[in-house]
Amino acid sequence: MMRAGLCATLESERDMKVVGEASDGAEAVSMFHLLRPDVVLIDLQMPRVDGLGAIAQIKGSVPTATIIVLTTYPGDARVNKAMSLGAISYLLKVASSDEIVATIRGATQGRRHVADDVIQDVHAHQGMEPLNARELSVLRLAAQGNSNRSIGNVLNLSEETIKTRMKAILAKLNASDRTHAVSIAIRRGFLDP
């Protein structure tokens, strides 16, 4: 329904034409290569290949591709990742049709746009040290309910190493415990919901 409404809105604009639609990230990449649209609107949560993976694939083969993220998910880590992969703009699905249309027009002229709510979240966490890959692997396993010992066994690390990494995670996220850390990491986009 969201896609149908968005297509109808865009088709009503005299200077826009929807040339294709995709139901998952793999299809989005294929459709991009087949149709070569001026602008790609892409969600982050999609089956088969997620939006970040699709952005990476599209920009990897066509660095000049213009990609706008249109998603339900805010979170500074998601935004930073999408923009670092090459998205030019980041909107939430609650954006007005006027904002979406203006963002598309701006993107064709090389102008970046990040939704106000999203930019506030990015600024609130600016300068904070992000979680590294090792910490993320620990936190993903903790989110599944694993103990430090179990996490250590899975990652072939000592329980003490896991405790040290968990302390670093808590400090970086300003979390009071591992459950709090997981909820913050999901909200900020370090972990998928």
N, C-alpha and C. Protein backbone atom coordinates (compact mmCIF):
# COMPACT_ATOMS: atom_id res chain seq x y z
N MET A 1 0.83 -1.20 0.00
CA MET A 1 0.00 0.00 0.00
C MET A 1 0.87 1.25 0.00
N MET A 2 1.92 1.21 0.81
CA MET A 2 2.83 2.36 0.87
C MET A 2 3.42 2.63 -0.52
N ARG A 3 3.86 1.56 -1.17
CA ARG A 3 4.47 1.71 -2.50
C ARG A 3 3.46 2.24 -3.51
N ALA A 4 2.25 1.70 -3.47
CA ALA A 4 1.21 2.13 -4.42
C ALA A 4 0.88 3.61 -4.22
N GLY A 5 0.75 4.02 -2.97
CA GLY A 5 0.47 5.43 -2.69
C GLY A 5 1.61 6.33 -3.11
N LEU A 6 2.82 5.89 -2.86
CA LEU A 6 4.00 6.67 -3.24
C LEU A 6 4.09 6.79 -4.76
N CYS A 7 3.85 5.68 -5.45
CA CYS A 7 3.89 5.72 -6.92
C CYS A 7 2.84 6.68 -7.47
N ALA A 8 1.65 6.63 -6.93
CA ALA A 8 0.58 7.53 -7.39
C ALA A 8 0.96 8.98 -7.16
N THR A 9 1.53 9.26 -6.01
CA THR A 9 1.97 10.64 -5.70
C THR A 9 3.03 11.10 -6.69
N LEU A 10 4.02 10.26 -6.93
CA LEU A 10 5.11 10.64 -7.83
C LEU A 10 4.65 10.77 -9.27
N GLU A 11 3.77 9.87 -9.69
CA GLU A 11 3.24 9.93 -11.07
C GLU A 11 2.41 11.19 -11.31
N SER A 12 1.86 11.77 -10.24
CA SER A 12 1.06 12.99 -10.40
C SER A 12 1.93 14.23 -10.60
N GLU A 13 3.23 14.08 -10.36
CA GLU A 13 4.15 15.20 -10.57
C GLU A 13 4.53 15.25 -12.05
N ARG A 14 4.44 16.44 -12.67
CA ARG A 14 4.67 16.55 -14.11
C ARG A 14 6.09 16.21 -14.54
N ASP A 15 7.05 16.32 -13.61
CA ASP A 15 8.44 16.08 -13.98
C ASP A 15 8.97 14.75 -13.44
N MET A 16 8.07 13.86 -13.02
CA MET A 16 8.51 12.57 -12.47
C MET A 16 7.75 11.42 -13.12
N LYS A 17 8.46 10.30 -13.26
CA LYS A 17 7.84 9.08 -13.77
C LYS A 17 8.44 7.90 -13.02
N VAL A 18 7.59 7.05 -12.49
CA VAL A 18 8.04 5.84 -11.82
C VAL A 18 8.33 4.81 -12.91
N VAL A 19 9.59 4.38 -12.98
CA VAL A 19 9.96 3.44 -14.05
C VAL A 19 10.04 2.00 -13.57
N GLY A 20 9.99 1.78 -12.26
CA GLY A 20 10.03 0.41 -11.77
C GLY A 20 9.79 0.33 -10.29
N GLU A 21 9.46 -0.87 -9.84
CA GLU A 21 9.24 -1.16 -8.42
C GLU A 21 9.89 -2.50 -8.11
N ALA A 22 10.28 -2.65 -6.85
CA ALA A 22 10.88 -3.92 -6.42
C ALA A 22 10.32 -4.28 -5.05
N SER A 23 10.20 -5.58 -4.80
CA SER A 23 9.65 -6.02 -3.52
C SER A 23 10.72 -6.48 -2.54
N ASP A 24 11.97 -6.56 -2.99
CA ASP A 24 13.06 -6.91 -2.08
C ASP A 24 14.36 -6.29 -2.61
N GLY A 25 15.40 -6.37 -1.81
CA GLY A 25 16.66 -5.73 -2.16
C GLY A 25 17.33 -6.31 -3.38
N ALA A 26 17.27 -7.62 -3.54
CA ALA A 26 17.90 -8.26 -4.71
C ALA A 26 17.20 -7.80 -5.99
N GLU A 27 15.88 -7.74 -5.93
CA GLU A 27 15.12 -7.27 -7.09
C GLU A 27 15.41 -5.80 -7.36
N ALA A 28 15.59 -5.01 -6.30
CA ALA A 28 15.90 -3.58 -6.47
C ALA A 28 17.22 -3.40 -7.22
N VAL A 29 18.21 -4.20 -6.87
CA VAL A 29 19.51 -4.12 -7.55
C VAL A 29 19.35 -4.50 -9.01
N SER A 30 18.65 -5.60 -9.28
CA SER A 30 18.43 -6.04 -10.67
C SER A 30 17.67 -4.99 -11.46
N MET A 31 16.60 -4.45 -10.86
CA MET A 31 15.80 -3.44 -11.55
C MET A 31 16.62 -2.18 -11.83
N PHE A 32 17.48 -1.82 -10.89
CA PHE A 32 18.32 -0.66 -11.10
C PHE A 32 19.19 -0.86 -12.35
N HIS A 33 19.84 -2.00 -12.46
CA HIS A 33 20.73 -2.26 -13.59
C HIS A 33 19.96 -2.35 -14.91
N LEU A 34 18.73 -2.84 -14.85
CA LEU A 34 17.91 -2.95 -16.05
C LEU A 34 17.38 -1.58 -16.50
N LEU A 35 16.92 -0.76 -15.54
CA LEU A 35 16.20 0.47 -15.87
C LEU A 35 17.04 1.75 -15.76
N ARG A 36 18.10 1.71 -14.97
CA ARG A 36 18.97 2.88 -14.73
C ARG A 36 18.17 4.15 -14.42
N PRO A 37 17.39 4.15 -13.35
CA PRO A 37 16.60 5.33 -13.00
C PRO A 37 17.49 6.49 -12.55
N ASP A 38 16.96 7.68 -12.63
CA ASP A 38 17.69 8.87 -12.16
C ASP A 38 17.84 8.85 -10.65
N VAL A 39 16.82 8.33 -9.96
CA VAL A 39 16.80 8.29 -8.49
C VAL A 39 16.22 6.95 -8.05
N VAL A 40 16.81 6.39 -6.99
CA VAL A 40 16.30 5.16 -6.38
C VAL A 40 15.81 5.51 -4.97
N LEU A 41 14.57 5.16 -4.66
CA LEU A 41 14.05 5.24 -3.29
C LEU A 41 14.14 3.83 -2.74
N ILE A 42 14.78 3.68 -1.58
CA ILE A 42 14.99 2.33 -1.07
C ILE A 42 14.70 2.27 0.42
N ASP A 43 14.06 1.20 0.83
CA ASP A 43 13.80 0.94 2.25
C ASP A 43 15.00 0.18 2.82
N LEU A 44 15.14 0.17 4.13
CA LEU A 44 16.24 -0.57 4.74
C LEU A 44 15.84 -2.01 5.07
N GLN A 45 14.62 -2.22 5.51
CA GLN A 45 14.17 -3.55 5.89
C GLN A 45 13.46 -4.20 4.71
N MET A 46 14.18 -5.08 4.04
CA MET A 46 13.62 -5.81 2.91
C MET A 46 14.12 -7.24 2.96
N PRO A 47 13.34 -8.17 2.39
CA PRO A 47 13.80 -9.56 2.35
C PRO A 47 14.96 -9.75 1.38
N ARG A 48 15.59 -10.91 1.49
CA ARG A 48 16.71 -11.36 0.66
C ARG A 48 17.94 -10.47 0.82
N VAL A 49 17.94 -9.28 0.31
CA VAL A 49 19.03 -8.33 0.49
C VAL A 49 18.44 -7.10 1.15
N ASP A 50 18.99 -6.69 2.30
CA ASP A 50 18.43 -5.50 2.97
C ASP A 50 18.84 -4.24 2.21
N GLY A 51 18.28 -3.12 2.63
CA GLY A 51 18.53 -1.86 1.95
C GLY A 51 19.98 -1.45 1.94
N LEU A 52 20.68 -1.66 3.06
CA LEU A 52 22.10 -1.31 3.10
C LEU A 52 22.90 -2.15 2.11
N GLY A 53 22.58 -3.43 2.04
CA GLY A 53 23.25 -4.30 1.07
C GLY A 53 22.96 -3.87 -0.35
N ALA A 54 21.71 -3.49 -0.62
CA ALA A 54 21.34 -3.04 -1.97
C ALA A 54 22.06 -1.74 -2.33
N ILE A 55 22.14 -0.83 -1.37
CA ILE A 55 22.86 0.42 -1.62
C ILE A 55 24.32 0.11 -1.97
N ALA A 56 24.94 -0.75 -1.18
CA ALA A 56 26.35 -1.10 -1.41
C ALA A 56 26.53 -1.72 -2.80
N GLN A 57 25.62 -2.60 -3.20
CA GLN A 57 25.74 -3.25 -4.51
C GLN A 57 25.55 -2.25 -5.65
N ILE A 58 24.53 -1.41 -5.52
CA ILE A 58 24.27 -0.43 -6.58
C ILE A 58 25.42 0.56 -6.70
N LYS A 59 25.84 1.14 -5.58
CA LYS A 59 26.93 2.13 -5.61
C LYS A 59 28.26 1.48 -5.99
N GLY A 60 28.42 0.20 -5.65
CA GLY A 60 29.64 -0.50 -6.01
C GLY A 60 29.80 -0.66 -7.51
N SER A 61 28.69 -0.80 -8.21
CA SER A 61 28.76 -0.97 -9.66
C SER A 61 28.54 0.34 -10.41
N VAL A 62 27.77 1.26 -9.82
CA VAL A 62 27.51 2.56 -10.45
C VAL A 62 27.67 3.64 -9.37
N PRO A 63 28.89 4.11 -9.16
CA PRO A 63 29.14 5.07 -8.08
C PRO A 63 28.34 6.37 -8.18
N THR A 64 27.88 6.71 -9.38
CA THR A 64 27.12 7.95 -9.55
C THR A 64 25.62 7.78 -9.29
N ALA A 65 25.18 6.58 -8.94
CA ALA A 65 23.75 6.34 -8.67
C ALA A 65 23.27 7.26 -7.55
N THR A 66 22.06 7.76 -7.70
CA THR A 66 21.45 8.65 -6.70
C THR A 66 20.44 7.85 -5.91
N ILE A 67 20.71 7.68 -4.61
CA ILE A 67 19.87 6.82 -3.78
C ILE A 67 19.35 7.60 -2.58
N ILE A 68 18.05 7.48 -2.35
CA ILE A 68 17.40 8.08 -1.19
C ILE A 68 16.84 6.95 -0.34
N VAL A 69 17.15 6.95 0.93
CA VAL A 69 16.58 5.98 1.86
C VAL A 69 15.23 6.53 2.32
N LEU A 70 14.21 5.69 2.23
CA LEU A 70 12.87 6.02 2.73
C LEU A 70 12.45 4.83 3.59
N THR A 71 12.49 5.02 4.90
CA THR A 71 12.34 3.88 5.81
C THR A 71 11.56 4.25 7.06
N THR A 72 11.20 3.25 7.81
CA THR A 72 10.54 3.43 9.10
C THR A 72 11.56 3.62 10.20
N TYR A 73 12.81 3.24 9.93
CA TYR A 73 13.81 3.11 10.98
C TYR A 73 14.77 4.28 11.05
N PRO A 74 14.67 5.07 12.14
CA PRO A 74 15.68 6.10 12.38
C PRO A 74 16.90 5.43 13.05
N GLY A 75 17.68 6.17 13.72
CA GLY A 75 18.83 5.61 14.43
C GLY A 75 20.12 6.08 13.78
N ASP A 76 20.95 6.74 14.56
CA ASP A 76 22.15 7.35 14.00
C ASP A 76 23.07 6.35 13.33
N ALA A 77 23.17 5.13 13.85
CA ALA A 77 24.06 4.14 13.23
C ALA A 77 23.56 3.75 11.84
N ARG A 78 22.25 3.60 11.69
CA ARG A 78 21.67 3.28 10.38
C ARG A 78 21.92 4.42 9.40
N VAL A 79 21.65 5.64 9.85
CA VAL A 79 21.82 6.81 8.99
C VAL A 79 23.27 6.93 8.55
N ASN A 80 24.19 6.85 9.51
CA ASN A 80 25.61 6.97 9.18
C ASN A 80 26.05 5.89 8.21
N LYS A 81 25.56 4.67 8.40
CA LYS A 81 25.94 3.57 7.51
C LYS A 81 25.39 3.81 6.11
N ALA A 82 24.10 4.19 6.02
CA ALA A 82 23.49 4.42 4.70
C ALA A 82 24.21 5.55 3.96
N MET A 83 24.52 6.62 4.68
CA MET A 83 25.19 7.75 4.04
C MET A 83 26.63 7.39 3.67
N SER A 84 27.29 6.61 4.50
CA SER A 84 28.66 6.23 4.17
C SER A 84 28.71 5.28 2.97
N LEU A 85 27.63 4.53 2.75
CA LEU A 85 27.56 3.65 1.59
C LEU A 85 27.22 4.42 0.31
N GLY A 86 26.75 5.66 0.47
CA GLY A 86 26.50 6.48 -0.70
C GLY A 86 25.09 7.01 -0.88
N ALA A 87 24.18 6.77 0.08
CA ALA A 87 22.85 7.38 -0.03
C ALA A 87 23.01 8.89 0.06
N ILE A 88 22.23 9.62 -0.71
CA ILE A 88 22.33 11.07 -0.69
C ILE A 88 21.37 11.68 0.32
N SER A 89 20.28 10.98 0.62
CA SER A 89 19.28 11.50 1.54
C SER A 89 18.68 10.37 2.37
N TYR A 90 18.07 10.76 3.50
CA TYR A 90 17.50 9.77 4.43
C TYR A 90 16.19 10.35 4.96
N LEU A 91 15.09 9.71 4.61
CA LEU A 91 13.76 10.13 5.05
C LEU A 91 13.07 9.00 5.80
N LEU A 92 12.17 9.39 6.67
CA LEU A 92 11.31 8.42 7.35
C LEU A 92 9.99 8.35 6.61
N LYS A 93 9.32 7.21 6.69
CA LYS A 93 8.07 7.02 5.97
C LYS A 93 6.95 7.93 6.44
N VAL A 94 7.14 8.59 7.56
CA VAL A 94 6.14 9.55 8.02
C VAL A 94 6.30 10.90 7.32
N ALA A 95 7.29 11.02 6.44
CA ALA A 95 7.52 12.28 5.72
C ALA A 95 6.30 12.60 4.86
N SER A 96 6.06 13.89 4.70
CA SER A 96 4.94 14.31 3.85
C SER A 96 5.31 14.06 2.38
N SER A 97 4.29 13.98 1.55
CA SER A 97 4.56 13.79 0.13
C SER A 97 5.34 14.98 -0.42
N ASP A 98 5.08 16.17 0.10
CA ASP A 98 5.83 17.34 -0.34
C ASP A 98 7.32 17.20 -0.03
N GLU A 99 7.64 16.69 1.17
CA GLU A 99 9.05 16.51 1.54
C GLU A 99 9.71 15.45 0.66
N ILE A 100 9.00 14.37 0.39
CA ILE A 100 9.56 13.31 -0.46
C ILE A 100 9.83 13.84 -1.86
N VAL A 101 8.85 14.54 -2.43
CA VAL A 101 9.01 15.08 -3.78
C VAL A 101 10.15 16.10 -3.82
N ALA A 102 10.22 16.98 -2.84
CA ALA A 102 11.29 17.98 -2.79
C ALA A 102 12.66 17.32 -2.62
N THR A 103 12.71 16.24 -1.85
CA THR A 103 13.97 15.53 -1.65
C THR A 103 14.43 14.87 -2.94
N ILE A 104 13.50 14.30 -3.69
CA ILE A 104 13.84 13.69 -4.98
C ILE A 104 14.36 14.76 -5.93
N ARG A 105 13.66 15.88 -6.02
CA ARG A 105 14.12 16.95 -6.91
C ARG A 105 15.51 17.44 -6.49
N GLY A 106 15.69 17.62 -5.19
CA GLY A 106 16.99 18.07 -4.70
C GLY A 106 18.09 17.07 -4.99
N ALA A 107 17.78 15.78 -4.84
CA ALA A 107 18.78 14.73 -5.07
C ALA A 107 19.26 14.74 -6.52
N THR A 108 18.37 15.03 -7.45
CA THR A 108 18.78 15.07 -8.86
C THR A 108 19.74 16.21 -9.12
N GLN A 109 19.78 17.16 -8.21
CA GLN A 109 20.71 18.30 -8.33
C GLN A 109 21.88 18.17 -7.36
N GLY A 110 22.00 16.99 -6.73
CA GLY A 110 23.13 16.73 -5.85
C GLY A 110 22.97 17.24 -4.43
N ARG A 111 21.76 17.65 -4.06
CA ARG A 111 21.54 18.16 -2.70
C ARG A 111 21.17 17.03 -1.74
N ARG A 112 21.83 17.03 -0.60
CA ARG A 112 21.54 16.05 0.46
C ARG A 112 20.38 16.55 1.30
N HIS A 113 19.64 15.58 1.86
CA HIS A 113 18.58 15.94 2.81
C HIS A 113 18.42 14.80 3.81
N VAL A 114 18.41 15.15 5.07
CA VAL A 114 18.13 14.18 6.13
C VAL A 114 16.98 14.75 6.95
N ALA A 115 15.97 13.93 7.19
CA ALA A 115 14.79 14.36 7.93
C ALA A 115 15.19 14.98 9.27
N ASP A 116 14.46 16.01 9.67
CA ASP A 116 14.78 16.75 10.90
C ASP A 116 14.88 15.84 12.12
N ASP A 117 13.91 14.93 12.28
CA ASP A 117 13.94 14.02 13.44
C ASP A 117 15.20 13.16 13.43
N VAL A 118 15.59 12.74 12.25
CA VAL A 118 16.75 11.88 12.10
C VAL A 118 18.02 12.66 12.40
N ILE A 119 18.11 13.87 11.88
CA ILE A 119 19.32 14.67 12.07
C ILE A 119 19.52 15.01 13.54
N GLN A 120 18.43 15.20 14.28
CA GLN A 120 18.54 15.45 15.72
C GLN A 120 19.17 14.25 16.42
N ASP A 121 18.74 13.06 16.02
CA ASP A 121 19.29 11.84 16.61
C ASP A 121 20.77 11.69 16.26
N VAL A 122 21.13 12.00 15.03
CA VAL A 122 22.53 11.93 14.61
C VAL A 122 23.37 12.91 15.43
N HIS A 123 22.88 14.14 15.56
CA HIS A 123 23.62 15.15 16.33
C HIS A 123 23.73 14.77 17.81
N ALA A 124 22.70 14.14 18.33
CA ALA A 124 22.73 13.75 19.75
C ALA A 124 23.83 12.74 20.04
N HIS A 125 24.21 11.96 19.05
CA HIS A 125 25.23 10.92 19.25
C HIS A 125 26.55 11.24 18.55
N GLN A 126 26.63 12.44 17.98
CA GLN A 126 27.84 12.82 17.26
C GLN A 126 29.03 12.85 18.22
N GLY A 127 30.13 12.34 17.77
CA GLY A 127 31.34 12.32 18.58
C GLY A 127 31.44 11.12 19.50
N MET A 128 30.36 10.37 19.64
CA MET A 128 30.40 9.17 20.47
C MET A 128 31.08 8.06 19.67
N GLU A 129 31.88 7.27 20.35
CA GLU A 129 32.60 6.20 19.68
C GLU A 129 31.61 5.09 19.30
N PRO A 130 31.61 4.68 18.03
CA PRO A 130 30.69 3.61 17.62
C PRO A 130 31.20 2.26 18.11
N LEU A 131 30.30 1.30 18.10
CA LEU A 131 30.69 -0.06 18.43
C LEU A 131 31.50 -0.63 17.28
N ASN A 132 32.57 -1.36 17.61
CA ASN A 132 33.37 -1.98 16.55
C ASN A 132 32.80 -3.38 16.25
N ALA A 133 33.35 -4.03 15.25
CA ALA A 133 32.83 -5.32 14.78
C ALA A 133 32.88 -6.38 15.89
N ARG A 134 33.96 -6.39 16.68
CA ARG A 134 34.07 -7.38 17.76
C ARG A 134 33.00 -7.15 18.83
N GLU A 135 32.77 -5.88 19.16
CA GLU A 135 31.74 -5.57 20.16
C GLU A 135 30.35 -5.91 19.62
N LEU A 136 30.12 -5.64 18.36
CA LEU A 136 28.82 -5.98 17.77
C LEU A 136 28.57 -7.48 17.77
N SER A 137 29.61 -8.27 17.53
CA SER A 137 29.42 -9.73 17.55
C SER A 137 29.05 -10.20 18.95
N VAL A 138 29.65 -9.60 19.97
CA VAL A 138 29.31 -9.93 21.35
C VAL A 138 27.87 -9.50 21.67
N LEU A 139 27.52 -8.29 21.27
CA LEU A 139 26.19 -7.77 21.58
C LEU A 139 25.10 -8.55 20.86
N ARG A 140 25.35 -8.98 19.62
CA ARG A 140 24.35 -9.79 18.90
C ARG A 140 24.06 -11.09 19.66
N LEU A 141 25.12 -11.71 20.14
CA LEU A 141 24.94 -12.96 20.89
C LEU A 141 24.28 -12.70 22.25
N ALA A 142 24.61 -11.59 22.87
CA ALA A 142 23.95 -11.23 24.14
C ALA A 142 22.46 -10.97 23.91
N ALA A 143 22.13 -10.36 22.78
CA ALA A 143 20.73 -10.08 22.45
C ALA A 143 19.92 -11.37 22.28
N GLN A 144 20.60 -12.46 21.96
CA GLN A 144 19.94 -13.76 21.83
C GLN A 144 19.83 -14.48 23.17
N GLY A 145 20.28 -13.82 24.24
CA GLY A 145 20.14 -14.38 25.58
C GLY A 145 21.32 -15.22 26.05
N ASN A 146 22.42 -15.17 25.33
CA ASN A 146 23.60 -15.96 25.71
C ASN A 146 24.34 -15.35 26.89
N SER A 147 24.88 -16.20 27.74
CA SER A 147 25.72 -15.76 28.86
C SER A 147 27.11 -15.41 28.32
N ASN A 148 27.92 -14.75 29.14
CA ASN A 148 29.28 -14.44 28.74
C ASN A 148 30.06 -15.70 28.37
N ARG A 149 29.88 -16.75 29.16
CA ARG A 149 30.58 -18.01 28.88
C ARG A 149 30.15 -18.56 27.52
N SER A 150 28.84 -18.57 27.25
CA SER A 150 28.33 -19.07 25.96
C SER A 150 28.85 -18.23 24.80
N ILE A 151 28.85 -16.92 24.99
CA ILE A 151 29.36 -16.03 23.94
C ILE A 151 30.83 -16.34 23.68
N GLY A 152 31.59 -16.52 24.74
CA GLY A 152 33.00 -16.87 24.61
C GLY A 152 33.20 -18.16 23.86
N ASN A 153 32.37 -19.15 24.16
CA ASN A 153 32.47 -20.44 23.47
C ASN A 153 32.19 -20.28 21.97
N VAL A 154 31.16 -19.51 21.64
CA VAL A 154 30.80 -19.31 20.23
C VAL A 154 31.92 -18.57 19.50
N LEU A 155 32.48 -17.55 20.15
CA LEU A 155 33.49 -16.72 19.49
C LEU A 155 34.92 -17.23 19.71
N ASN A 156 35.03 -18.35 20.45
CA ASN A 156 36.34 -18.93 20.75
C ASN A 156 37.24 -17.93 21.51
N LEU A 157 36.61 -17.28 22.51
CA LEU A 157 37.30 -16.31 23.36
C LEU A 157 37.06 -16.66 24.82
N SER A 158 37.91 -16.15 25.69
CA SER A 158 37.74 -16.41 27.12
C SER A 158 36.55 -15.62 27.66
N GLU A 159 36.01 -16.11 28.74
CA GLU A 159 34.91 -15.40 29.40
C GLU A 159 35.37 -14.02 29.86
N GLU A 160 36.62 -13.89 30.28
CA GLU A 160 37.17 -12.60 30.70
C GLU A 160 37.20 -11.60 29.54
N THR A 161 37.57 -12.08 28.36
CA THR A 161 37.59 -11.21 27.18
C THR A 161 36.18 -10.72 26.88
N ILE A 162 35.21 -11.59 27.00
CA ILE A 162 33.81 -11.20 26.76
C ILE A 162 33.37 -10.18 27.79
N LYS A 163 33.73 -10.38 29.04
CA LYS A 163 33.39 -9.40 30.09
C LYS A 163 34.00 -8.04 29.78
N THR A 164 35.25 -8.04 29.32
CA THR A 164 35.92 -6.78 28.98
C THR A 164 35.20 -6.09 27.82
N ARG A 165 34.83 -6.87 26.82
CA ARG A 165 34.11 -6.28 25.68
C ARG A 165 32.74 -5.77 26.09
N MET A 166 32.08 -6.51 26.98
CA MET A 166 30.76 -6.07 27.44
C MET A 166 30.87 -4.76 28.22
N LYS A 167 31.91 -4.61 29.02
CA LYS A 167 32.12 -3.34 29.75
C LYS A 167 32.32 -2.20 28.76
N ALA A 168 33.09 -2.45 27.70
CA ALA A 168 33.29 -1.41 26.68
C ALA A 168 31.97 -1.05 25.99
N ILE A 169 31.17 -2.05 25.72
CA ILE A 169 29.86 -1.82 25.09
C ILE A 169 28.98 -0.96 25.99
N LEU A 170 28.91 -1.32 27.25
CA LEU A 170 28.09 -0.56 28.20
C LEU A 170 28.55 0.88 28.27
N ALA A 171 29.87 1.09 28.29
CA ALA A 171 30.41 2.45 28.37
C ALA A 171 30.09 3.24 27.10
N LYS A 172 30.30 2.63 25.94
CA LYS A 172 30.05 3.33 24.68
C LYS A 172 28.58 3.69 24.49
N LEU A 173 27.70 2.83 24.96
CA LEU A 173 26.26 3.07 24.79
C LEU A 173 25.65 3.79 25.99
N ASN A 174 26.48 4.01 27.02
CA ASN A 174 25.98 4.62 28.26
C ASN A 174 24.80 3.82 28.80
N ALA A 175 24.99 2.51 28.84
CA ALA A 175 23.93 1.59 29.27
C ALA A 175 24.21 1.08 30.68
N SER A 176 23.16 0.78 31.40
CA SER A 176 23.30 0.33 32.78
C SER A 176 23.53 -1.18 32.88
N ASP A 177 23.06 -1.94 31.90
CA ASP A 177 23.27 -3.39 31.89
C ASP A 177 23.13 -3.89 30.46
N ARG A 178 23.33 -5.19 30.27
CA ARG A 178 23.32 -5.73 28.91
C ARG A 178 21.96 -5.64 28.23
N THR A 179 20.87 -5.77 28.98
CA THR A 179 19.54 -5.63 28.38
C THR A 179 19.34 -4.21 27.89
N HIS A 180 19.76 -3.25 28.72
CA HIS A 180 19.68 -1.84 28.33
C HIS A 180 20.55 -1.59 27.10
N ALA A 181 21.72 -2.19 27.05
CA ALA A 181 22.62 -2.03 25.90
C ALA A 181 21.98 -2.56 24.63
N VAL A 182 21.32 -3.70 24.71
CA VAL A 182 20.66 -4.27 23.54
C VAL A 182 19.55 -3.35 23.06
N SER A 183 18.74 -2.82 23.97
CA SER A 183 17.64 -1.95 23.55
C SER A 183 18.17 -0.65 22.93
N ILE A 184 19.23 -0.10 23.48
CA ILE A 184 19.84 1.11 22.90
C ILE A 184 20.40 0.79 21.51
N ALA A 185 21.08 -0.34 21.40
CA ALA A 185 21.69 -0.72 20.12
C ALA A 185 20.63 -0.93 19.03
N ILE A 186 19.49 -1.47 19.39
CA ILE A 186 18.41 -1.65 18.43
C ILE A 186 17.86 -0.29 18.03
N ARG A 187 17.60 0.58 19.00
CA ARG A 187 17.05 1.90 18.72
C ARG A 187 17.98 2.73 17.83
N ARG A 188 19.26 2.65 18.12
CA ARG A 188 20.23 3.45 17.35
C ARG A 188 20.59 2.83 16.01
N GLY A 189 20.23 1.56 15.81
CA GLY A 189 20.46 0.92 14.53
C GLY A 189 21.74 0.11 14.42
N PHE A 190 22.36 -0.18 15.55
CA PHE A 190 23.52 -1.08 15.52
C PHE A 190 23.07 -2.53 15.32
N LEU A 191 21.88 -2.86 15.84
CA LEU A 191 21.30 -4.18 15.69
C LEU A 191 19.94 -4.04 15.02
N ASP A 192 19.58 -5.00 14.21
CA ASP A 192 18.26 -4.97 13.58
C ASP A 192 17.20 -5.29 14.62
N PRO A 193 16.02 -4.64 14.47
CA PRO A 193 14.94 -4.91 15.43
C PRO A 193 14.42 -6.33 15.31
